[in-house]
Amino acid sequence: MAELPFATVAVLGLGAMGGSLARALSALEPAPTVVGWSPEEGERAAALEALAVSAAPAEWEVAVAGADLVVLA
């Protein structure tokens, strides 16, 4: 099994690009932990419902805490 280069990825921006990236990352085997953030509560809720992210805090500072990679989308 391949080792992950990044165990935790924070995706800031969960619109079309960020949401697609989060879904693709979550579909990897093994998948990194994906944490997403958006200023829009509806985008955060949709990402959680779609299982694209494991967490979607309301504050971006919480989303990036402990992340090995931060993506601005």
Protein backbone atom coordinates (compact mmCIF):
# COMPACT_ATOMS: atom_id res chain seq x y z
CA MET A 1 0.00 0.00 0.00
CA ALA A 2 1.34 3.43 -0.94
CA GLU A 3 2.14 5.94 1.76
CA LEU A 4 0.28 9.23 1.65
CA PRO A 5 2.43 12.32 1.04
CA PHE A 6 -0.11 14.37 3.03
CA ALA A 7 -2.14 12.82 5.84
CA THR A 8 -4.42 15.85 6.27
CA VAL A 9 -5.46 18.25 3.50
CA ALA A 10 -7.38 21.47 4.12
CA VAL A 11 -9.36 22.78 1.15
CA LEU A 12 -10.29 26.45 1.51
CA GLY A 13 -13.13 27.10 -0.88
CA LEU A 14 -15.77 24.44 -1.49
CA GLY A 15 -17.29 25.71 -4.72
CA ALA A 16 -16.95 23.85 -8.01
CA MET A 17 -13.15 23.56 -7.96
CA GLY A 18 -12.60 23.02 -4.24
CA GLY A 19 -15.57 20.68 -3.89
CA SER A 20 -14.38 18.57 -6.83
CA LEU A 21 -10.87 18.39 -5.40
CA ALA A 22 -12.21 17.40 -1.97
CA ARG A 23 -14.33 14.62 -3.52
CA ALA A 24 -11.38 13.34 -5.56
CA LEU A 25 -9.08 13.32 -2.52
CA SER A 26 -11.71 11.54 -0.41
CA ALA A 27 -12.08 8.86 -3.11
CA LEU A 28 -8.37 7.93 -3.01
CA GLU A 29 -7.38 4.63 -1.44
CA PRO A 30 -6.01 5.26 1.10
CA ALA A 31 -7.62 8.65 1.45
CA PRO A 32 -6.15 11.54 3.40
CA THR A 33 -8.26 13.32 5.98
CA VAL A 34 -9.92 16.17 4.09
CA VAL A 35 -11.09 19.24 5.98
CA GLY A 36 -12.99 21.87 4.04
CA TRP A 37 -13.89 25.49 4.63
CA SER A 38 -16.10 27.97 2.87
CA PRO A 39 -17.57 31.28 4.01
CA GLU A 40 -20.91 29.93 2.81
CA GLU A 41 -22.63 27.67 5.34
CA GLY A 42 -24.54 25.93 2.54
CA GLU A 43 -21.33 24.92 0.76
CA ARG A 44 -19.92 23.50 3.99
CA ALA A 45 -23.11 21.54 4.61
CA ALA A 46 -23.19 20.22 1.03
CA ALA A 47 -19.56 19.03 1.25
CA LEU A 48 -20.29 17.19 4.50
CA GLU A 49 -23.46 15.64 3.08
CA ALA A 50 -21.60 14.46 -0.03
CA LEU A 51 -18.89 12.96 2.22
CA ALA A 52 -16.31 15.06 0.37
CA VAL A 53 -14.89 16.28 3.68
CA SER A 54 -14.68 14.80 7.15
CA ALA A 55 -15.09 18.20 8.80
CA ALA A 56 -16.15 21.67 7.68
CA PRO A 57 -15.63 24.20 10.48
CA ALA A 58 -17.01 27.72 10.24
CA GLU A 59 -13.57 29.29 10.82
CA TRP A 60 -10.75 28.85 8.29
CA GLU A 61 -8.18 28.93 11.09
CA VAL A 62 -9.69 25.75 12.53
CA ALA A 63 -9.71 24.10 9.08
CA VAL A 64 -5.98 24.66 8.50
CA ALA A 65 -4.85 23.76 12.02
CA GLY A 66 -2.78 20.60 11.76
CA ALA A 67 -3.06 20.33 7.97
CA ASP A 68 -0.06 19.00 6.06
CA LEU A 69 -1.27 20.70 2.88
CA VAL A 70 -3.53 23.74 2.42
CA VAL A 71 -5.20 24.30 -0.95
CA LEU A 72 -6.82 27.63 -1.85
CA ALA A 73 -9.57 26.91 -4.34
